[in-house]
Amino acid sequence: MDNLGDIRLFVEAAQLGSLSAAGRKLGLTPAAASARLTKLEAGLKARLFERTTRQLRLTDEGRLYLNCCRQALRALDDAEALLQAGQNVVRGKVRISATSDFGRNLLMHWLDEFNLLYPEVTFALTLSDSLSNLVQEDIDLAIRFGVPQDSSLIARPLAPNRRVLCAAPEYIARRGEPRDPLDLARFDCIVLGTASGPVNEWRFTRGEEIQHYTVPLETARETNDGAVAREWALRGYGIVVKSMWDVEADLRSDGLKVLLRDWRYPDAPLHALYHRNRFMAPRVRVLLDFLAERFAQVSGELEALLGLPALGPLNQSARGEGL
């Protein structure tokens, strides 16, 4: 246990890809961080990183040691959480991962509200439109659209999630509105890119009727950042598909307007994802319950704002089940 701080520094450096960044996170100067890593390697009689001025790369010994260190640190964190649960203590840091637009536009405000109730809880918030590796990145809670195919995670349903076509009123005034999905060929479209490729195959339903529209990539604006896609739509560059949660503030302020209200784009309900085999600390459990309540409250308001038929409630029997 004498070198526990050095081990945490090593794990952070491997995750961040930078020894100086890991040092800053742990309150160490670059010189102190380098000295501590050198001491750890000397004690192990093994080199953990190949270090240059531009790159920090794990050696084979470093990769082996990293896996063991992560397991050990998670066990210690779980032990601390178990003790806190017995004391009913709601304090400490919660590491959260969320999509970029939702994190900036809603989640940050909800975390402020939570802090008024529990001032001893702090947050580490990672915003990314890709699904974080919860184990490797040491995330306590991820909020994502849809359900990942990962059996090591539990997916707790939080809220329905309408995805809608929208554009800025200024763009609509200049170009008009599409009459149906196939009419989108006359308009500029904004496409979100993912790890599996661009999402340019748009599918719509209206009752029994189905229409597909393939956005031509040669003329579309493309980005892998949902916040950029939203900003382009706000600036009048075209039509975009967005989650109602991502554009909640824009719909309320008339910054964006929903198009093709009679047509339905496939939904992707919101889920909270967390580790199946890790003890949930009181701070994480209380935050999750708080967020579920906020989602329930705002969901109805958004459905009314969209002017669309209300969705049925989420299947509550699925709450807490691995999906």
C-alpha atoms as a PDB file:
ATOM      1  CA  MET A   1       0.000   0.000   0.000  1.00  0.00           C
ATOM      2  CA  ASP A   2       3.061   2.293   0.266  1.00  0.00           C
ATOM      3  CA  ASN A   3       2.975   2.974  -3.480  1.00  0.00           C
ATOM      4  CA  LEU A   4      -0.803   3.232  -3.927  1.00  0.00           C
ATOM      5  CA  GLY A   5      -0.510   6.858  -5.046  1.00  0.00           C
ATOM      6  CA  ASP A   6       2.132   5.869  -7.599  1.00  0.00           C
ATOM      7  CA  ILE A   7      -0.165   3.131  -8.922  1.00  0.00           C
ATOM      8  CA  ARG A   8      -3.038   5.610  -9.333  1.00  0.00           C
ATOM      9  CA  LEU A   9      -0.652   7.920 -11.214  1.00  0.00           C
ATOM     10  CA  PHE A  10       0.360   5.040 -13.512  1.00  0.00           C
ATOM     11  CA  VAL A  11      -3.269   4.118 -14.254  1.00  0.00           C
ATOM     12  CA  GLU A  12      -4.227   7.741 -14.953  1.00  0.00           C
ATOM     13  CA  ALA A  13      -1.206   8.210 -17.226  1.00  0.00           C
ATOM     14  CA  ALA A  14      -2.127   5.102 -19.214  1.00  0.00           C
ATOM     15  CA  GLN A  15      -5.718   6.307 -19.568  1.00  0.00           C
ATOM     16  CA  LEU A  16      -4.879   9.909 -20.499  1.00  0.00           C
ATOM     17  CA  GLY A  17      -1.825   9.063 -22.602  1.00  0.00           C
ATOM     18  CA  SER A  18       0.146  11.757 -20.806  1.00  0.00           C
ATOM     19  CA  LEU A  19       2.178  11.683 -17.605  1.00  0.00           C
ATOM     20  CA  SER A  20       1.938  15.443 -17.101  1.00  0.00           C
ATOM     21  CA  ALA A  21      -1.857  15.366 -17.569  1.00  0.00           C
ATOM     22  CA  ALA A  22      -2.114  12.529 -15.027  1.00  0.00           C
ATOM     23  CA  GLY A  23       0.046  14.546 -12.646  1.00  0.00           C
ATOM     24  CA  ARG A  24      -2.161  17.623 -12.996  1.00  0.00           C
ATOM     25  CA  LYS A  25      -5.242  15.521 -12.294  1.00  0.00           C
ATOM     26  CA  LEU A  26      -3.643  14.237  -9.085  1.00  0.00           C
ATOM     27  CA  GLY A  27      -2.166  17.600  -8.053  1.00  0.00           C
ATOM     28  CA  LEU A  28       1.455  16.819  -8.976  1.00  0.00           C
ATOM     29  CA  THR A  29       4.007  18.849 -10.902  1.00  0.00           C
ATOM     30  CA  PRO A  30       5.484  17.240 -14.051  1.00  0.00           C
ATOM     31  CA  ALA A  31       8.771  16.701 -12.228  1.00  0.00           C
ATOM     32  CA  ALA A  32       7.073  15.062  -9.243  1.00  0.00           C
ATOM     33  CA  ALA A  33       4.962  12.831 -11.509  1.00  0.00           C
ATOM     34  CA  SER A  34       8.054  11.717 -13.453  1.00  0.00           C
ATOM     35  CA  ALA A  35       9.950  10.986 -10.236  1.00  0.00           C
ATOM     36  CA  ARG A  36       7.107   8.911  -8.823  1.00  0.00           C
ATOM     37  CA  LEU A  37       6.752   6.853 -11.990  1.00  0.00           C
ATOM     38  CA  THR A  38      10.509   6.252 -12.028  1.00  0.00           C
ATOM     39  CA  LYS A  39      10.321   5.095  -8.403  1.00  0.00           C
ATOM     40  CA  LEU A  40       7.453   2.710  -9.237  1.00  0.00           C
ATOM     41  CA  GLU A  41       9.360   1.210 -12.180  1.00  0.00           C
ATOM     42  CA  ALA A  42      12.487   0.847 -10.055  1.00  0.00           C
ATOM     43  CA  GLY A  43      10.555  -1.011  -7.358  1.00  0.00           C
ATOM     44  CA  LEU A  44       9.001  -3.332  -9.948  1.00  0.00           C
ATOM     45  CA  LYS A  45      12.293  -3.731 -11.819  1.00  0.00           C
ATOM     46  CA  ALA A  46      10.347  -3.264 -15.038  1.00  0.00           C
ATOM     47  CA  ARG A  47       9.768  -0.460 -17.523  1.00  0.00           C
ATOM     48  CA  LEU A  48       6.036   0.358 -17.756  1.00  0.00           C
ATOM     49  CA  PHE A  49       6.151   2.996 -20.509  1.00  0.00           C
ATOM     50  CA  GLU A  50       8.230   3.783 -23.555  1.00  0.00           C
ATOM     51  CA  ARG A  51       8.558   7.538 -23.148  1.00  0.00           C
ATOM     52  CA  THR A  52       9.470  10.204 -25.712  1.00  0.00           C
ATOM     53  CA  THR A  53       8.850  13.941 -25.709  1.00  0.00           C
ATOM     54  CA  ARG A  54       5.707  13.377 -27.801  1.00  0.00           C
ATOM     55  CA  GLN A  55       4.393   9.955 -26.875  1.00  0.00           C
ATOM     56  CA  LEU A  56       3.732   7.734 -23.887  1.00  0.00           C
ATOM     57  CA  ARG A  57       3.293   4.084 -24.897  1.00  0.00           C
ATOM     58  CA  LEU A  58       2.733   1.083 -22.643  1.00  0.00           C
ATOM     59  CA  THR A  59       5.271  -1.720 -22.763  1.00  0.00           C
ATOM     60  CA  ASP A  60       4.125  -5.360 -22.685  1.00  0.00           C
ATOM     61  CA  GLU A  61       4.943  -5.390 -18.960  1.00  0.00           C
ATOM     62  CA  GLY A  62       3.013  -2.147 -18.546  1.00  0.00           C
ATOM     63  CA  ARG A  63      -0.123  -3.575 -20.188  1.00  0.00           C
ATOM     64  CA  LEU A  64      -0.016  -6.631 -17.921  1.00  0.00           C
ATOM     65  CA  TYR A  65       0.514  -4.526 -14.809  1.00  0.00           C
ATOM     66  CA  LEU A  66      -2.221  -2.057 -15.867  1.00  0.00           C
ATOM     67  CA  ASN A  67      -4.927  -4.731 -15.962  1.00  0.00           C
ATOM     68  CA  CYS A  68      -4.016  -5.923 -12.460  1.00  0.00           C
ATOM     69  CA  CYS A  69      -3.824  -2.351 -11.117  1.00  0.00           C
ATOM     70  CA  ARG A  70      -7.266  -1.486 -12.465  1.00  0.00           C
ATOM     71  CA  GLN A  71      -8.789  -4.522 -10.789  1.00  0.00           C
ATOM     72  CA  ALA A  72      -7.096  -3.675  -7.501  1.00  0.00           C
ATOM     73  CA  LEU A  73      -8.168  -0.025  -7.550  1.00  0.00           C
ATOM     74  CA  ARG A  74     -11.753  -0.976  -8.427  1.00  0.00           C
ATOM     75  CA  ALA A  75     -11.783  -3.401  -5.491  1.00  0.00           C
ATOM     76  CA  LEU A  76     -10.603  -0.629  -3.146  1.00  0.00           C
ATOM     77  CA  ASP A  77     -13.194   1.805  -4.525  1.00  0.00           C
ATOM     78  CA  ASP A  78     -15.927  -0.804  -4.117  1.00  0.00           C
ATOM     79  CA  ALA A  79     -14.847  -1.417  -0.528  1.00  0.00           C
ATOM     80  CA  GLU A  80     -15.087   2.309   0.210  1.00  0.00           C
ATOM     81  CA  ALA A  81     -18.536   2.435  -1.422  1.00  0.00           C
ATOM     82  CA  LEU A  82     -19.678  -0.517   0.684  1.00  0.00           C
ATOM     83  CA  LEU A  83     -18.583   1.253   3.873  1.00  0.00           C
ATOM     84  CA  GLN A  84     -20.356   4.443   2.812  1.00  0.00           C
ATOM     85  CA  ALA A  85     -23.523   2.483   2.107  1.00  0.00           C
ATOM     86  CA  GLY A  86     -23.518   1.184   5.668  1.00  0.00           C
ATOM     87  CA  GLN A  87     -23.226   4.762   6.910  1.00  0.00           C
ATOM     88  CA  ASN A  88     -25.748   6.127   4.376  1.00  0.00           C
ATOM     89  CA  VAL A  89     -23.178   8.750   3.369  1.00  0.00           C
ATOM     90  CA  VAL A  90     -23.854  10.640   0.125  1.00  0.00           C
ATOM     91  CA  ARG A  91     -20.508  12.185  -0.740  1.00  0.00           C
ATOM     92  CA  GLY A  92     -17.546  11.734  -3.038  1.00  0.00           C
ATOM     93  CA  LYS A  93     -17.013  11.955  -6.796  1.00  0.00           C
ATOM     94  CA  VAL A  94     -19.365  10.543  -9.440  1.00  0.00           C
ATOM     95  CA  ARG A  95     -17.861   9.963 -12.883  1.00  0.00           C
ATOM     96  CA  ILE A  96     -20.514  10.430 -15.560  1.00  0.00           C
ATOM     97  CA  SER A  97     -20.451  10.022 -19.330  1.00  0.00           C
ATOM     98  CA  ALA A  98     -23.156  11.620 -21.496  1.00  0.00           C
ATOM     99  CA  THR A  99     -23.746  12.734 -25.072  1.00  0.00           C
ATOM    100  CA  SER A 100     -22.462  16.196 -25.920  1.00  0.00           C
ATOM    101  CA  ASP A 101     -25.700  18.131 -26.500  1.00  0.00           C
ATOM    102  CA  PHE A 102     -27.625  16.555 -23.652  1.00  0.00           C
ATOM    103  CA  GLY A 103     -24.701  17.016 -21.274  1.00  0.00           C
ATOM    104  CA  ARG A 104     -24.348  20.719 -22.054  1.00  0.00           C
ATOM    105  CA  ASN A 105     -27.986  21.678 -22.408  1.00  0.00           C
ATOM    106  CA  LEU A 106     -29.714  19.734 -19.608  1.00  0.00           C
ATOM    107  CA  LEU A 107     -27.502  17.465 -17.530  1.00  0.00           C
ATOM    108  CA  MET A 108     -25.174  20.237 -16.322  1.00  0.00           C
ATOM    109  CA  HIS A 109     -28.168  22.146 -14.913  1.00  0.00           C
ATOM    110  CA  TRP A 110     -29.577  19.025 -13.257  1.00  0.00           C
ATOM    111  CA  LEU A 111     -26.225  18.319 -11.614  1.00  0.00           C
ATOM    112  CA  ASP A 112     -26.300  21.866 -10.187  1.00  0.00           C
ATOM    113  CA  GLU A 113     -29.739  21.129  -8.719  1.00  0.00           C
ATOM    114  CA  PHE A 114     -28.455  17.858  -7.260  1.00  0.00           C
ATOM    115  CA  ASN A 115     -25.541  19.692  -5.626  1.00  0.00           C
ATOM    116  CA  LEU A 116     -27.958  21.951  -3.770  1.00  0.00           C
ATOM    117  CA  LEU A 117     -29.333  18.809  -2.123  1.00  0.00           C
ATOM    118  CA  TYR A 118     -25.997  16.995  -1.737  1.00  0.00           C
ATOM    119  CA  PRO A 119     -23.155  19.545  -1.599  1.00  0.00           C
ATOM    120  CA  GLU A 120     -20.525  16.915  -0.691  1.00  0.00           C
ATOM    121  CA  VAL A 121     -20.854  15.204  -4.081  1.00  0.00           C
ATOM    122  CA  THR A 122     -18.553  16.286  -6.907  1.00  0.00           C
ATOM    123  CA  PHE A 123     -18.632  15.285 -10.577  1.00  0.00           C
ATOM    124  CA  ALA A 124     -16.288  14.275 -13.361  1.00  0.00           C
ATOM    125  CA  LEU A 125     -18.319  14.744 -16.557  1.00  0.00           C
ATOM    126  CA  THR A 126     -17.155  13.285 -19.875  1.00  0.00           C
ATOM    127  CA  LEU A 127     -19.080  14.353 -22.979  1.00  0.00           C
ATOM    128  CA  SER A 128     -18.885  12.065 -25.990  1.00  0.00           C
ATOM    129  CA  ASP A 129     -21.289  10.834 -28.644  1.00  0.00           C
ATOM    130  CA  SER A 130     -19.615   7.407 -28.661  1.00  0.00           C
ATOM    131  CA  LEU A 131     -20.221   4.841 -25.934  1.00  0.00           C
ATOM    132  CA  SER A 132     -17.408   5.069 -23.418  1.00  0.00           C
ATOM    133  CA  ASN A 133     -15.731   1.938 -22.151  1.00  0.00           C
ATOM    134  CA  LEU A 134     -17.067   2.103 -18.608  1.00  0.00           C
ATOM    135  CA  VAL A 135     -14.512  -0.346 -17.251  1.00  0.00           C
ATOM    136  CA  GLN A 136     -11.391   1.106 -18.814  1.00  0.00           C
ATOM    137  CA  GLU A 137     -12.412   4.746 -18.326  1.00  0.00           C
ATOM    138  CA  ASP A 138     -13.644   4.179 -14.768  1.00  0.00           C
ATOM    139  CA  ILE A 139     -17.101   5.658 -15.414  1.00  0.00           C
ATOM    140  CA  ASP A 140     -19.740   5.185 -12.695  1.00  0.00           C
ATOM    141  CA  LEU A 141     -22.716   6.091 -14.857  1.00  0.00           C
ATOM    142  CA  ALA A 142     -23.269   6.597 -18.592  1.00  0.00           C
ATOM    143  CA  ILE A 143     -26.408   8.087 -20.139  1.00  0.00           C
ATOM    144  CA  ARG A 144     -26.983   6.942 -23.689  1.00  0.00           C
ATOM    145  CA  PHE A 145     -29.676   6.623 -26.337  1.00  0.00           C
ATOM    146  CA  GLY A 146     -30.605   3.030 -27.109  1.00  0.00           C
ATOM    147  CA  VAL A 147     -29.216  -0.123 -25.472  1.00  0.00           C
ATOM    148  CA  PRO A 148     -25.628  -1.352 -26.007  1.00  0.00           C
ATOM    149  CA  GLN A 149     -24.876  -5.018 -26.695  1.00  0.00           C
ATOM    150  CA  ASP A 150     -22.664  -5.398 -23.630  1.00  0.00           C
ATOM    151  CA  SER A 151     -23.670  -8.052 -21.113  1.00  0.00           C
ATOM    152  CA  SER A 152     -21.355  -6.592 -18.454  1.00  0.00           C
ATOM    153  CA  LEU A 153     -23.603  -3.532 -18.173  1.00  0.00           C
ATOM    154  CA  ILE A 154     -27.022  -2.966 -16.651  1.00  0.00           C
ATOM    155  CA  ALA A 155     -29.293  -0.647 -18.638  1.00  0.00           C
ATOM    156  CA  ARG A 156     -31.954   1.173 -16.629  1.00  0.00           C
ATOM    157  CA  PRO A 157     -34.632   2.868 -18.768  1.00  0.00           C
ATOM    158  CA  LEU A 158     -34.889   6.586 -17.994  1.00  0.00           C
ATOM    159  CA  ALA A 159     -37.179   8.194 -20.562  1.00  0.00           C
ATOM    160  CA  PRO A 160     -38.707   7.894 -24.023  1.00  0.00           C
ATOM    161  CA  ASN A 161     -36.811   9.731 -26.690  1.00  0.00           C
ATOM    162  CA  ARG A 162     -38.463  11.132 -29.780  1.00  0.00           C
ATOM    163  CA  ARG A 163     -36.051  11.934 -32.577  1.00  0.00           C
ATOM    164  CA  VAL A 164     -37.304  14.667 -34.849  1.00  0.00           C
ATOM    165  CA  LEU A 165     -36.410  16.485 -38.033  1.00  0.00           C
ATOM    166  CA  CYS A 166     -35.782  20.134 -37.303  1.00  0.00           C
ATOM    167  CA  ALA A 167     -34.395  23.300 -38.849  1.00  0.00           C
ATOM    168  CA  ALA A 168     -34.013  26.963 -37.995  1.00  0.00           C
ATOM    169  CA  PRO A 169     -37.005  29.256 -38.720  1.00  0.00           C
ATOM    170  CA  GLU A 170     -34.670  31.394 -40.852  1.00  0.00           C
ATOM    171  CA  TYR A 171     -33.848  28.377 -43.057  1.00  0.00           C
ATOM    172  CA  ILE A 172     -37.529  27.437 -43.344  1.00  0.00           C
ATOM    173  CA  ALA A 173     -38.452  30.993 -44.317  1.00  0.00           C
ATOM    174  CA  ARG A 174     -35.811  30.891 -47.060  1.00  0.00           C
ATOM    175  CA  ARG A 175     -36.357  27.367 -48.397  1.00  0.00           C
ATOM    176  CA  GLY A 176     -39.834  26.302 -47.259  1.00  0.00           C
ATOM    177  CA  GLU A 177     -40.768  22.993 -45.599  1.00  0.00           C
ATOM    178  CA  PRO A 178     -40.647  19.427 -46.987  1.00  0.00           C
ATOM    179  CA  ARG A 179     -44.049  17.894 -47.728  1.00  0.00           C
ATOM    180  CA  ASP A 180     -42.947  14.308 -47.016  1.00  0.00           C
ATOM    181  CA  PRO A 181     -39.638  12.462 -46.454  1.00  0.00           C
ATOM    182  CA  LEU A 182     -38.904  12.011 -50.175  1.00  0.00           C
ATOM    183  CA  ASP A 183     -39.252  15.773 -50.610  1.00  0.00           C
ATOM    184  CA  LEU A 184     -36.078  16.151 -48.520  1.00  0.00           C
ATOM    185  CA  ALA A 185     -34.111  15.837 -51.783  1.00  0.00           C
ATOM    186  CA  ARG A 186     -34.841  19.540 -52.341  1.00  0.00           C
ATOM    187  CA  PHE A 187     -33.224  20.554 -49.030  1.00  0.00           C
ATOM    188  CA  ASP A 188     -29.818  20.752 -47.388  1.00  0.00           C
ATOM    189  CA  CYS A 189     -29.261  18.047 -44.770  1.00  0.00           C
ATOM    190  CA  ILE A 190     -26.837  17.635 -41.878  1.00  0.00           C
ATOM    191  CA  VAL A 191     -25.519  14.125 -41.176  1.00  0.00           C
ATOM    192  CA  LEU A 192     -24.018  12.765 -37.963  1.00  0.00           C
ATOM    193  CA  GLY A 193     -21.087  10.395 -38.335  1.00  0.00           C
ATOM    194  CA  THR A 194     -20.557   7.439 -35.976  1.00  0.00           C
ATOM    195  CA  ALA A 195     -17.886   4.778 -35.485  1.00  0.00           C
ATOM    196  CA  SER A 196     -19.855   2.510 -37.843  1.00  0.00           C
ATOM    197  CA  GLY A 197     -20.264   5.197 -40.510  1.00  0.00           C
ATOM    198  CA  PRO A 198     -22.459   8.202 -41.342  1.00  0.00           C
ATOM    199  CA  VAL A 199     -26.132   8.047 -40.374  1.00  0.00           C
ATOM    200  CA  ASN A 200     -27.517   9.130 -43.740  1.00  0.00           C
ATOM    201  CA  GLU A 201     -30.194   6.434 -44.158  1.00  0.00           C
ATOM    202  CA  TRP A 202     -33.291   8.124 -42.732  1.00  0.00           C
ATOM    203  CA  ARG A 203     -36.410   5.996 -42.213  1.00  0.00           C
ATOM    204  CA  PHE A 204     -39.886   7.375 -41.508  1.00  0.00           C
ATOM    205  CA  THR A 205     -43.267   5.834 -40.754  1.00  0.00           C
ATOM    206  CA  ARG A 206     -46.800   7.210 -40.798  1.00  0.00           C
ATOM    207  CA  GLY A 207     -49.282   4.560 -39.734  1.00  0.00           C
ATOM    208  CA  GLU A 208     -48.641   1.653 -42.093  1.00  0.00           C
ATOM    209  CA  GLU A 209     -46.785   3.834 -44.580  1.00  0.00           C
ATOM    210  CA  ILE A 210     -42.964   3.692 -44.695  1.00  0.00           C
ATOM    211  CA  GLN A 211     -40.596   5.992 -46.556  1.00  0.00           C
ATOM    212  CA  HIS A 212     -36.790   5.920 -46.759  1.00  0.00           C
ATOM    213  CA  TYR A 213     -34.584   8.814 -47.721  1.00  0.00           C
ATOM    214  CA  THR A 214     -30.828   8.473 -48.278  1.00  0.00           C
ATOM    215  CA  VAL A 215     -29.049  11.775 -47.728  1.00  0.00           C
ATOM    216  CA  PRO A 216     -26.407  12.194 -50.472  1.00  0.00           C
ATOM    217  CA  LEU A 217     -23.100  12.583 -48.650  1.00  0.00           C
ATOM    218  CA  GLU A 218     -21.507  14.566 -51.464  1.00  0.00           C
ATOM    219  CA  THR A 219     -23.835  17.497 -50.704  1.00  0.00           C
ATOM    220  CA  ALA A 220     -24.472  17.012 -46.970  1.00  0.00           C
ATOM    221  CA  ARG A 221     -22.666  18.639 -44.086  1.00  0.00           C
ATOM    222  CA  GLU A 222     -21.113  15.872 -41.953  1.00  0.00           C
ATOM    223  CA  THR A 223     -19.782  15.837 -38.396  1.00  0.00           C
ATOM    224  CA  ASN A 224     -19.121  13.276 -35.669  1.00  0.00           C
ATOM    225  CA  ASP A 225     -20.106  15.812 -32.994  1.00  0.00           C
ATOM    226  CA  GLY A 226     -23.787  16.185 -32.138  1.00  0.00           C
ATOM    227  CA  ALA A 227     -23.191  19.689 -30.768  1.00  0.00           C
ATOM    228  CA  VAL A 228     -21.743  20.809 -34.109  1.00  0.00           C
ATOM    229  CA  ALA A 229     -24.696  19.303 -35.999  1.00  0.00           C
ATOM    230  CA  ARG A 230     -27.097  21.208 -33.746  1.00  0.00           C
ATOM    231  CA  GLU A 231     -25.145  24.455 -34.129  1.00  0.00           C
ATOM    232  CA  TRP A 232     -25.151  24.135 -37.920  1.00  0.00           C
ATOM    233  CA  ALA A 233     -28.920  23.704 -37.858  1.00  0.00           C
ATOM    234  CA  LEU A 234     -29.298  26.761 -35.603  1.00  0.00           C
ATOM    235  CA  ARG A 235     -27.197  28.784 -38.051  1.00  0.00           C
ATOM    236  CA  GLY A 236     -29.518  27.877 -40.891  1.00  0.00           C
ATOM    237  CA  TYR A 237     -27.338  25.423 -42.828  1.00  0.00           C
ATOM    238  CA  GLY A 238     -30.029  22.786 -43.212  1.00  0.00           C
ATOM    239  CA  ILE A 239     -32.223  20.069 -41.707  1.00  0.00           C
ATOM    240  CA  VAL A 240     -30.992  17.703 -39.016  1.00  0.00           C
ATOM    241  CA  VAL A 241     -32.298  14.694 -37.075  1.00  0.00           C
ATOM    242  CA  LYS A 242     -31.944  15.316 -33.333  1.00  0.00           C
ATOM    243  CA  SER A 243     -33.123  13.828 -30.079  1.00  0.00           C
ATOM    244  CA  MET A 244     -35.814  15.915 -28.408  1.00  0.00           C
ATOM    245  CA  TRP A 245     -33.546  16.007 -25.331  1.00  0.00           C
ATOM    246  CA  ASP A 246     -30.663  17.521 -27.298  1.00  0.00           C
ATOM    247  CA  VAL A 247     -32.759  20.389 -28.700  1.00  0.00           C
ATOM    248  CA  GLU A 248     -35.087  20.939 -25.721  1.00  0.00           C
ATOM    249  CA  ALA A 249     -33.850  24.500 -25.128  1.00  0.00           C
ATOM    250  CA  ASP A 250     -33.970  25.335 -28.852  1.00  0.00           C
ATOM    251  CA  LEU A 251     -37.580  24.172 -29.188  1.00  0.00           C
ATOM    252  CA  ARG A 252     -38.610  26.228 -26.168  1.00  0.00           C
ATOM    253  CA  SER A 253     -36.872  29.355 -27.523  1.00  0.00           C
ATOM    254  CA  ASP A 254     -38.025  28.824 -31.132  1.00  0.00           C
ATOM    255  CA  GLY A 255     -34.408  28.468 -32.223  1.00  0.00           C
ATOM    256  CA  LEU A 256     -35.444  25.300 -34.065  1.00  0.00           C
ATOM    257  CA  LYS A 257     -38.754  24.118 -35.491  1.00  0.00           C
ATOM    258  CA  VAL A 258     -39.944  20.517 -35.874  1.00  0.00           C
ATOM    259  CA  LEU A 259     -40.691  19.377 -39.456  1.00  0.00           C
ATOM    260  CA  LEU A 260     -42.802  16.509 -40.829  1.00  0.00           C
ATOM    261  CA  ARG A 261     -44.748  16.134 -37.586  1.00  0.00           C
ATOM    262  CA  ASP A 262     -46.986  13.451 -39.125  1.00  0.00           C
ATOM    263  CA  TRP A 263     -44.002  11.207 -39.794  1.00  0.00           C
ATOM    264  CA  ARG A 264     -42.164   9.191 -37.146  1.00  0.00           C
ATOM    265  CA  TYR A 265     -38.399   8.703 -37.066  1.00  0.00           C
ATOM    266  CA  PRO A 266     -37.272   5.569 -35.105  1.00  0.00           C
ATOM    267  CA  ASP A 267     -37.022   6.252 -31.376  1.00  0.00           C
ATOM    268  CA  ALA A 268     -34.001   5.455 -29.180  1.00  0.00           C
ATOM    269  CA  PRO A 269     -35.057   5.555 -25.489  1.00  0.00           C
ATOM    270  CA  LEU A 270     -32.626   6.944 -22.935  1.00  0.00           C
ATOM    271  CA  HIS A 271     -30.898   4.503 -20.579  1.00  0.00           C
ATOM    272  CA  ALA A 272     -28.549   4.805 -17.643  1.00  0.00           C
ATOM    273  CA  LEU A 273     -25.715   2.288 -17.959  1.00  0.00           C
ATOM    274  CA  TYR A 274     -23.621   1.016 -15.074  1.00  0.00           C
ATOM    275  CA  HIS A 275     -21.455  -1.946 -14.122  1.00  0.00           C
ATOM    276  CA  ARG A 276     -23.196  -5.235 -13.414  1.00  0.00           C
ATOM    277  CA  ASN A 277     -20.517  -6.530 -11.050  1.00  0.00           C
ATOM    278  CA  ARG A 278     -19.619  -3.394  -9.146  1.00  0.00           C
ATOM    279  CA  PHE A 279     -21.185  -2.193  -5.930  1.00  0.00           C
ATOM    280  CA  MET A 280     -23.137   1.018  -6.493  1.00  0.00           C
ATOM    281  CA  ALA A 281     -22.060   3.731  -4.060  1.00  0.00           C
ATOM    282  CA  PRO A 282     -24.827   5.695  -2.313  1.00  0.00           C
ATOM    283  CA  ARG A 283     -23.878   8.856  -4.231  1.00  0.00           C
ATOM    284  CA  VAL A 284     -24.391   7.063  -7.552  1.00  0.00           C
ATOM    285  CA  ARG A 285     -27.653   5.403  -6.493  1.00  0.00           C
ATOM    286  CA  VAL A 286     -29.129   8.672  -5.167  1.00  0.00           C
ATOM    287  CA  LEU A 287     -28.056  10.567  -8.291  1.00  0.00           C
ATOM    288  CA  LEU A 288     -29.615   7.923 -10.534  1.00  0.00           C
ATOM    289  CA  ASP A 289     -32.942   8.161  -8.692  1.00  0.00           C
ATOM    290  CA  PHE A 290     -32.773  11.970  -8.898  1.00  0.00           C
ATOM    291  CA  LEU A 291     -32.172  11.898 -12.655  1.00  0.00           C
ATOM    292  CA  ALA A 292     -35.018   9.421 -13.180  1.00  0.00           C
ATOM    293  CA  GLU A 293     -37.386  11.851 -11.440  1.00  0.00           C
ATOM    294  CA  ARG A 294     -36.172  14.802 -13.521  1.00  0.00           C
ATOM    295  CA  PHE A 295     -36.556  12.822 -16.741  1.00  0.00           C
ATOM    296  CA  ALA A 296     -40.114  11.853 -15.809  1.00  0.00           C
ATOM    297  CA  GLN A 297     -41.005  15.478 -15.093  1.00  0.00           C
ATOM    298  CA  VAL A 298     -39.507  17.015 -18.228  1.00  0.00           C
ATOM    299  CA  SER A 299     -40.540  14.200 -20.589  1.00  0.00           C
ATOM    300  CA  GLY A 300     -44.212  15.133 -20.486  1.00  0.00           C
ATOM    301  CA  GLU A 301     -43.395  18.799 -21.030  1.00  0.00           C
ATOM    302  CA  LEU A 302     -41.349  17.983 -24.110  1.00  0.00           C
ATOM    303  CA  GLU A 303     -44.041  15.740 -25.603  1.00  0.00           C
ATOM    304  CA  ALA A 304     -46.529  18.595 -25.270  1.00  0.00           C
ATOM    305  CA  LEU A 305     -44.033  21.064 -26.740  1.00  0.00           C
ATOM    306  CA  LEU A 306     -43.522  18.856 -29.782  1.00  0.00           C
ATOM    307  CA  GLY A 307     -47.277  18.704 -30.325  1.00  0.00           C
ATOM    308  CA  LEU A 308     -47.089  14.959 -30.957  1.00  0.00           C
ATOM    309  CA  PRO A 309     -49.189  12.101 -29.546  1.00  0.00           C
ATOM    310  CA  ALA A 310     -47.788  11.056 -26.170  1.00  0.00           C
ATOM    311  CA  LEU A 311     -45.707   7.902 -25.948  1.00  0.00           C
ATOM    312  CA  GLY A 312     -46.685   5.198 -23.499  1.00  0.00           C
ATOM    313  CA  PRO A 313     -44.659   4.872 -20.298  1.00  0.00           C
ATOM    314  CA  LEU A 314     -41.444   2.921 -20.380  1.00  0.00           C
ATOM    315  CA  ASN A 315     -41.657  -0.692 -19.323  1.00  0.00           C
ATOM    316  CA  GLN A 316     -40.948  -0.303 -15.627  1.00  0.00           C
ATOM    317  CA  SER A 317     -40.339  -4.022 -15.205  1.00  0.00           C
ATOM    318  CA  ALA A 318     -37.140  -3.520 -17.204  1.00  0.00           C
ATOM    319  CA  ARG A 319     -35.714  -1.070 -14.680  1.00  0.00           C
ATOM    320  CA  GLY A 320     -32.472  -2.393 -13.315  1.00  0.00           C
ATOM    321  CA  GLU A 321     -32.445  -5.412 -15.634  1.00  0.00           C
ATOM    322  CA  GLY A 322     -29.440  -6.205 -17.776  1.00  0.00           C
ATOM    323  CA  LEU A 323     -30.288  -5.556 -21.416  1.00  0.00           C
END
